[in-house]
Amino acid sequence: MISDTERGLASAVEVLHPGSSPEGTDTTAPTTMIVDGAGQVRWVFRAERFMTRLTPDEVLAALDEAIPRP
């Protein structure tokens, strides 16, 4: 888990929505990514609606699927 307060990662992976806040500033789309130890993105979830979030169980299931344990 990471926090991207400076939006460097959000900019790099293109999850910013320019000018979409009520004040006209940029917002980010809630996005969940699973990245392996080599830095390869294995799984991405980006909901249709910004209010949708994954449950912990859904994240764990996606992790098990994306990076199987030996």
PDB file of N, CA and C in Angstrom:
ATOM      1  N   MET A   1       0.847  -1.165   0.000  1.00  0.00           N
ATOM      2  CA  MET A   1       0.000   0.000   0.000  1.00  0.00           C
ATOM      3  C   MET A   1       0.899   1.236   0.000  1.00  0.00           C
ATOM      4  N   ILE A   2       0.496   2.223  -0.788  1.00  0.00           N
ATOM      5  CA  ILE A   2       1.253   3.475  -0.816  1.00  0.00           C
ATOM      6  C   ILE A   2       0.296   4.657  -0.723  1.00  0.00           C
ATOM      7  N   SER A   3       0.844   5.768  -0.364  1.00  0.00           N
ATOM      8  CA  SER A   3       0.112   7.030  -0.384  1.00  0.00           C
ATOM      9  C   SER A   3       0.808   7.923  -1.403  1.00  0.00           C
ATOM     10  N   ASP A   4       0.045   8.534  -2.271  1.00  0.00           N
ATOM     11  CA  ASP A   4       0.604   9.336  -3.366  1.00  0.00           C
ATOM     12  C   ASP A   4       0.175  10.796  -3.209  1.00  0.00           C
ATOM     13  N   THR A   5       0.553  11.414  -2.093  1.00  0.00           N
ATOM     14  CA  THR A   5       0.087  12.772  -1.791  1.00  0.00           C
ATOM     15  C   THR A   5       0.566  13.814  -2.797  1.00  0.00           C
ATOM     16  N   GLU A   6       1.701  13.590  -3.413  1.00  0.00           N
ATOM     17  CA  GLU A   6       2.215  14.540  -4.406  1.00  0.00           C
ATOM     18  C   GLU A   6       1.718  14.230  -5.818  1.00  0.00           C
ATOM     19  N   ARG A   7       0.973  13.131  -5.971  1.00  0.00           N
ATOM     20  CA  ARG A   7       0.374  12.696  -7.228  1.00  0.00           C
ATOM     21  C   ARG A   7       1.396  12.363  -8.327  1.00  0.00           C
ATOM     22  N   GLY A   8       2.580  12.013  -7.946  1.00  0.00           N
ATOM     23  CA  GLY A   8       3.590  11.605  -8.921  1.00  0.00           C
ATOM     24  C   GLY A   8       3.228  10.298  -9.597  1.00  0.00           C
ATOM     25  N   LEU A   9       2.816   9.313  -8.816  1.00  0.00           N
ATOM     26  CA  LEU A   9       2.413   8.027  -9.378  1.00  0.00           C
ATOM     27  C   LEU A   9       1.113   8.173 -10.153  1.00  0.00           C
ATOM     28  N   ALA A  10       0.173   8.932  -9.603  1.00  0.00           N
ATOM     29  CA  ALA A  10      -1.108   9.143 -10.293  1.00  0.00           C
ATOM     30  C   ALA A  10      -0.892   9.768 -11.666  1.00  0.00           C
ATOM     31  N   SER A  11       0.032  10.696 -11.753  1.00  0.00           N
ATOM     32  CA  SER A  11       0.343  11.312 -13.055  1.00  0.00           C
ATOM     33  C   SER A  11       0.979  10.301 -13.994  1.00  0.00           C
ATOM     34  N   ALA A  12       1.908   9.509 -13.460  1.00  0.00           N
ATOM     35  CA  ALA A  12       2.625   8.545 -14.295  1.00  0.00           C
ATOM     36  C   ALA A  12       1.705   7.478 -14.867  1.00  0.00           C
ATOM     37  N   VAL A  13       0.714   7.047 -14.095  1.00  0.00           N
ATOM     38  CA  VAL A  13      -0.178   5.983 -14.567  1.00  0.00           C
ATOM     39  C   VAL A  13      -1.505   6.531 -15.107  1.00  0.00           C
ATOM     40  N   GLU A  14      -1.539   7.834 -15.247  1.00  0.00           N
ATOM     41  CA  GLU A  14      -2.650   8.524 -15.912  1.00  0.00           C
ATOM     42  C   GLU A  14      -4.011   8.261 -15.268  1.00  0.00           C
ATOM     43  N   VAL A  15      -4.107   8.513 -13.956  1.00  0.00           N
ATOM     44  CA  VAL A  15      -5.386   8.408 -13.268  1.00  0.00           C
ATOM     45  C   VAL A  15      -5.841   9.767 -12.727  1.00  0.00           C
ATOM     46  N   LEU A  16      -5.292  10.840 -13.277  1.00  0.00           N
ATOM     47  CA  LEU A  16      -5.736  12.183 -12.909  1.00  0.00           C
ATOM     48  C   LEU A  16      -6.877  12.612 -13.813  1.00  0.00           C
ATOM     49  N   HIS A  17      -7.829  13.325 -13.241  1.00  0.00           N
ATOM     50  CA  HIS A  17      -8.938  13.888 -14.005  1.00  0.00           C
ATOM     51  C   HIS A  17      -8.810  15.409 -13.925  1.00  0.00           C
ATOM     52  N   PRO A  18      -8.177  16.024 -14.928  1.00  0.00           N
ATOM     53  CA  PRO A  18      -7.944  17.473 -14.889  1.00  0.00           C
ATOM     54  C   PRO A  18      -9.245  18.265 -14.779  1.00  0.00           C
ATOM     55  N   GLY A  19      -9.260  19.195 -13.837  1.00  0.00           N
ATOM     56  CA  GLY A  19     -10.364  20.119 -13.700  1.00  0.00           C
ATOM     57  C   GLY A  19     -11.695  19.523 -13.301  1.00  0.00           C
ATOM     58  N   SER A  20     -11.709  18.336 -12.733  1.00  0.00           N
ATOM     59  CA  SER A  20     -12.983  17.656 -12.472  1.00  0.00           C
ATOM     60  C   SER A  20     -13.565  17.884 -11.079  1.00  0.00           C
ATOM     61  N   SER A  21     -12.856  18.590 -10.221  1.00  0.00           N
ATOM     62  CA  SER A  21     -13.423  18.856  -8.898  1.00  0.00           C
ATOM     63  C   SER A  21     -14.397  20.025  -8.978  1.00  0.00           C
ATOM     64  N   PRO A  22     -15.259  20.177  -7.983  1.00  0.00           N
ATOM     65  CA  PRO A  22     -16.189  21.318  -7.991  1.00  0.00           C
ATOM     66  C   PRO A  22     -15.480  22.672  -8.062  1.00  0.00           C
ATOM     67  N   GLU A  23     -14.248  22.719  -7.545  1.00  0.00           N
ATOM     68  CA  GLU A  23     -13.475  23.966  -7.582  1.00  0.00           C
ATOM     69  C   GLU A  23     -12.677  24.121  -8.868  1.00  0.00           C
ATOM     70  N   GLY A  24     -12.723  23.109  -9.737  1.00  0.00           N
ATOM     71  CA  GLY A  24     -11.987  23.157 -10.995  1.00  0.00           C
ATOM     72  C   GLY A  24     -10.566  22.637 -10.927  1.00  0.00           C
ATOM     73  N   THR A  25     -10.191  22.063  -9.788  1.00  0.00           N
ATOM     74  CA  THR A  25      -8.857  21.482  -9.668  1.00  0.00           C
ATOM     75  C   THR A  25      -8.877  20.024 -10.122  1.00  0.00           C
ATOM     76  N   ASP A  26      -7.693  19.448 -10.239  1.00  0.00           N
ATOM     77  CA  ASP A  26      -7.578  18.050 -10.656  1.00  0.00           C
ATOM     78  C   ASP A  26      -7.993  17.114  -9.528  1.00  0.00           C
ATOM     79  N   THR A  27      -8.535  15.972  -9.885  1.00  0.00           N
ATOM     80  CA  THR A  27      -8.824  14.915  -8.920  1.00  0.00           C
ATOM     81  C   THR A  27      -8.210  13.621  -9.439  1.00  0.00           C
ATOM     82  N   THR A  28      -8.140  12.645  -8.574  1.00  0.00           N
ATOM     83  CA  THR A  28      -7.614  11.339  -8.980  1.00  0.00           C
ATOM     84  C   THR A  28      -8.733  10.314  -8.979  1.00  0.00           C
ATOM     85  N   ALA A  29      -8.604   9.348  -9.845  1.00  0.00           N
ATOM     86  CA  ALA A  29      -9.556   8.240  -9.888  1.00  0.00           C
ATOM     87  C   ALA A  29      -9.043   7.164  -8.946  1.00  0.00           C
ATOM     88  N   PRO A  30      -9.857   6.744  -7.977  1.00  0.00           N
ATOM     89  CA  PRO A  30      -9.414   5.669  -7.091  1.00  0.00           C
ATOM     90  C   PRO A  30      -9.062   4.434  -7.916  1.00  0.00           C
ATOM     91  N   THR A  31      -7.840   3.995  -7.784  1.00  0.00           N
ATOM     92  CA  THR A  31      -7.328   2.892  -8.596  1.00  0.00           C
ATOM     93  C   THR A  31      -6.547   1.944  -7.698  1.00  0.00           C
ATOM     94  N   THR A  32      -6.780   0.654  -7.850  1.00  0.00           N
ATOM     95  CA  THR A  32      -6.029  -0.356  -7.116  1.00  0.00           C
ATOM     96  C   THR A  32      -5.183  -1.133  -8.110  1.00  0.00           C
ATOM     97  N   MET A  33      -3.878  -1.239  -7.806  1.00  0.00           N
ATOM     98  CA  MET A  33      -2.948  -1.964  -8.678  1.00  0.00           C
ATOM     99  C   MET A  33      -2.194  -2.985  -7.849  1.00  0.00           C
ATOM    100  N   ILE A  34      -1.940  -4.126  -8.457  1.00  0.00           N
ATOM    101  CA  ILE A  34      -1.065  -5.123  -7.848  1.00  0.00           C
ATOM    102  C   ILE A  34       0.192  -5.167  -8.708  1.00  0.00           C
ATOM    103  N   VAL A  35       1.320  -4.907  -8.048  1.00  0.00           N
ATOM    104  CA  VAL A  35       2.615  -4.866  -8.730  1.00  0.00           C
ATOM    105  C   VAL A  35       3.502  -5.919  -8.088  1.00  0.00           C
ATOM    106  N   ASP A  36       4.159  -6.731  -8.926  1.00  0.00           N
ATOM    107  CA  ASP A  36       5.005  -7.792  -8.373  1.00  0.00           C
ATOM    108  C   ASP A  36       6.358  -7.242  -7.935  1.00  0.00           C
ATOM    109  N   GLY A  37       7.193  -8.093  -7.394  1.00  0.00           N
ATOM    110  CA  GLY A  37       8.504  -7.697  -6.891  1.00  0.00           C
ATOM    111  C   GLY A  37       9.439  -7.134  -7.940  1.00  0.00           C
ATOM    112  N   ALA A  38       9.192  -7.448  -9.207  1.00  0.00           N
ATOM    113  CA  ALA A  38      10.012  -6.934 -10.300  1.00  0.00           C
ATOM    114  C   ALA A  38       9.468  -5.614 -10.856  1.00  0.00           C
ATOM    115  N   GLY A  39       8.380  -5.131 -10.271  1.00  0.00           N
ATOM    116  CA  GLY A  39       7.802  -3.876 -10.726  1.00  0.00           C
ATOM    117  C   GLY A  39       6.808  -4.005 -11.861  1.00  0.00           C
ATOM    118  N   GLN A  40       6.417  -5.219 -12.199  1.00  0.00           N
ATOM    119  CA  GLN A  40       5.454  -5.437 -13.277  1.00  0.00           C
ATOM    120  C   GLN A  40       4.030  -5.360 -12.731  1.00  0.00           C
ATOM    121  N   VAL A  41       3.202  -4.567 -13.396  1.00  0.00           N
ATOM    122  CA  VAL A  41       1.806  -4.460 -12.993  1.00  0.00           C
ATOM    123  C   VAL A  41       1.102  -5.760 -13.378  1.00  0.00           C
ATOM    124  N   ARG A  42       0.527  -6.410 -12.392  1.00  0.00           N
ATOM    125  CA  ARG A  42      -0.130  -7.701 -12.606  1.00  0.00           C
ATOM    126  C   ARG A  42      -1.645  -7.608 -12.667  1.00  0.00           C
ATOM    127  N   TRP A  43      -2.211  -6.533 -12.082  1.00  0.00           N
ATOM    128  CA  TRP A  43      -3.663  -6.417 -12.003  1.00  0.00           C
ATOM    129  C   TRP A  43      -4.029  -4.975 -11.713  1.00  0.00           C
ATOM    130  N   VAL A  44      -5.113  -4.499 -12.334  1.00  0.00           N
ATOM    131  CA  VAL A  44      -5.576  -3.123 -12.122  1.00  0.00           C
ATOM    132  C   VAL A  44      -7.094  -3.128 -11.965  1.00  0.00           C
ATOM    133  N   PHE A  45      -7.573  -2.374 -10.995  1.00  0.00           N
ATOM    134  CA  PHE A  45      -9.013  -2.177 -10.827  1.00  0.00           C
ATOM    135  C   PHE A  45      -9.278  -0.682 -10.765  1.00  0.00           C
ATOM    136  N   ARG A  46     -10.165  -0.234 -11.632  1.00  0.00           N
ATOM    137  CA  ARG A  46     -10.600   1.167 -11.630  1.00  0.00           C
ATOM    138  C   ARG A  46     -12.107   1.147 -11.878  1.00  0.00           C
ATOM    139  N   ALA A  47     -12.860   1.479 -10.855  1.00  0.00           N
ATOM    140  CA  ALA A  47     -14.311   1.397 -10.917  1.00  0.00           C
ATOM    141  C   ALA A  47     -14.900   2.435 -11.861  1.00  0.00           C
ATOM    142  N   GLU A  48     -16.088   2.157 -12.341  1.00  0.00           N
ATOM    143  CA  GLU A  48     -16.817   3.102 -13.188  1.00  0.00           C
ATOM    144  C   GLU A  48     -17.202   4.358 -12.401  1.00  0.00           C
ATOM    145  N   ARG A  49     -17.546   4.165 -11.127  1.00  0.00           N
ATOM    146  CA  ARG A  49     -17.942   5.295 -10.280  1.00  0.00           C
ATOM    147  C   ARG A  49     -16.901   5.499  -9.186  1.00  0.00           C
ATOM    148  N   PHE A  50     -16.567   6.751  -8.903  1.00  0.00           N
ATOM    149  CA  PHE A  50     -15.502   7.048  -7.950  1.00  0.00           C
ATOM    150  C   PHE A  50     -15.815   6.601  -6.524  1.00  0.00           C
ATOM    151  N   MET A  51     -17.073   6.359  -6.227  1.00  0.00           N
ATOM    152  CA  MET A  51     -17.461   5.941  -4.875  1.00  0.00           C
ATOM    153  C   MET A  51     -17.260   4.442  -4.636  1.00  0.00           C
ATOM    154  N   THR A  52     -17.044   3.681  -5.688  1.00  0.00           N
ATOM    155  CA  THR A  52     -16.896   2.225  -5.567  1.00  0.00           C
ATOM    156  C   THR A  52     -15.495   1.886  -5.072  1.00  0.00           C
ATOM    157  N   ARG A  53     -15.429   1.085  -4.050  1.00  0.00           N
ATOM    158  CA  ARG A  53     -14.153   0.619  -3.507  1.00  0.00           C
ATOM    159  C   ARG A  53     -14.209  -0.895  -3.368  1.00  0.00           C
ATOM    160  N   LEU A  54     -13.051  -1.511  -3.458  1.00  0.00           N
ATOM    161  CA  LEU A  54     -12.956  -2.950  -3.245  1.00  0.00           C
ATOM    162  C   LEU A  54     -12.965  -3.254  -1.754  1.00  0.00           C
ATOM    163  N   THR A  55     -13.502  -4.414  -1.410  1.00  0.00           N
ATOM    164  CA  THR A  55     -13.420  -4.868  -0.027  1.00  0.00           C
ATOM    165  C   THR A  55     -12.039  -5.497   0.167  1.00  0.00           C
ATOM    166  N   PRO A  56     -11.589  -5.628   1.405  1.00  0.00           N
ATOM    167  CA  PRO A  56     -10.326  -6.319   1.648  1.00  0.00           C
ATOM    168  C   PRO A  56     -10.314  -7.736   1.068  1.00  0.00           C
ATOM    169  N   ASP A  57     -11.442  -8.436   1.168  1.00  0.00           N
ATOM    170  CA  ASP A  57     -11.509  -9.795   0.620  1.00  0.00           C
ATOM    171  C   ASP A  57     -11.344  -9.795  -0.902  1.00  0.00           C
ATOM    172  N   GLU A  58     -11.913  -8.805  -1.574  1.00  0.00           N
ATOM    173  CA  GLU A  58     -11.756  -8.711  -3.033  1.00  0.00           C
ATOM    174  C   GLU A  58     -10.300  -8.439  -3.417  1.00  0.00           C
ATOM    175  N   VAL A  59      -9.632  -7.595  -2.647  1.00  0.00           N
ATOM    176  CA  VAL A  59      -8.215  -7.312  -2.921  1.00  0.00           C
ATOM    177  C   VAL A  59      -7.379  -8.565  -2.694  1.00  0.00           C
ATOM    178  N   LEU A  60      -7.636  -9.280  -1.611  1.00  0.00           N
ATOM    179  CA  LEU A  60      -6.887 -10.507  -1.342  1.00  0.00           C
ATOM    180  C   LEU A  60      -7.118 -11.558  -2.421  1.00  0.00           C
ATOM    181  N   ALA A  61      -8.338 -11.686  -2.897  1.00  0.00           N
ATOM    182  CA  ALA A  61      -8.637 -12.649  -3.972  1.00  0.00           C
ATOM    183  C   ALA A  61      -7.899 -12.254  -5.252  1.00  0.00           C
ATOM    184  N   ALA A  62      -7.886 -10.979  -5.574  1.00  0.00           N
ATOM    185  CA  ALA A  62      -7.170 -10.509  -6.763  1.00  0.00           C
ATOM    186  C   ALA A  62      -5.679 -10.750  -6.615  1.00  0.00           C
ATOM    187  N   LEU A  63      -5.145 -10.532  -5.424  1.00  0.00           N
ATOM    188  CA  LEU A  63      -3.736 -10.781  -5.173  1.00  0.00           C
ATOM    189  C   LEU A  63      -3.397 -12.255  -5.358  1.00  0.00           C
ATOM    190  N   ASP A  64      -4.223 -13.131  -4.818  1.00  0.00           N
ATOM    191  CA  ASP A  64      -4.000 -14.577  -4.984  1.00  0.00           C
ATOM    192  C   ASP A  64      -4.032 -14.987  -6.448  1.00  0.00           C
ATOM    193  N   GLU A  65      -4.910 -14.360  -7.217  1.00  0.00           N
ATOM    194  CA  GLU A  65      -5.015 -14.683  -8.638  1.00  0.00           C
ATOM    195  C   GLU A  65      -3.862 -14.103  -9.445  1.00  0.00           C
ATOM    196  N   ALA A  66      -3.480 -12.881  -9.133  1.00  0.00           N
ATOM    197  CA  ALA A  66      -2.443 -12.182  -9.911  1.00  0.00           C
ATOM    198  C   ALA A  66      -1.048 -12.709  -9.636  1.00  0.00           C
ATOM    199  N   ILE A  67      -0.799 -13.070  -8.391  1.00  0.00           N
ATOM    200  CA  ILE A  67       0.531 -13.548  -8.001  1.00  0.00           C
ATOM    201  C   ILE A  67       0.361 -14.817  -7.184  1.00  0.00           C
ATOM    202  N   PRO A  68       0.239 -15.960  -7.880  1.00  0.00           N
ATOM    203  CA  PRO A  68       0.043 -17.229  -7.164  1.00  0.00           C
ATOM    204  C   PRO A  68       1.223 -17.559  -6.252  1.00  0.00           C
ATOM    205  N   ARG A  69       0.913 -18.154  -5.159  1.00  0.00           N
ATOM    206  CA  ARG A  69       1.976 -18.566  -4.222  1.00  0.00           C
ATOM    207  C   ARG A  69       2.545 -19.887  -4.686  1.00  0.00           C
ATOM    208  N   PRO A  70       3.854 -20.062  -4.481  1.00  0.00           N
ATOM    209  CA  PRO A  70       4.485 -21.338  -4.894  1.00  0.00           C
ATOM    210  C   PRO A  70       4.027 -22.514  -4.083  1.00  0.00           C
TER     211      PRO A  70
END
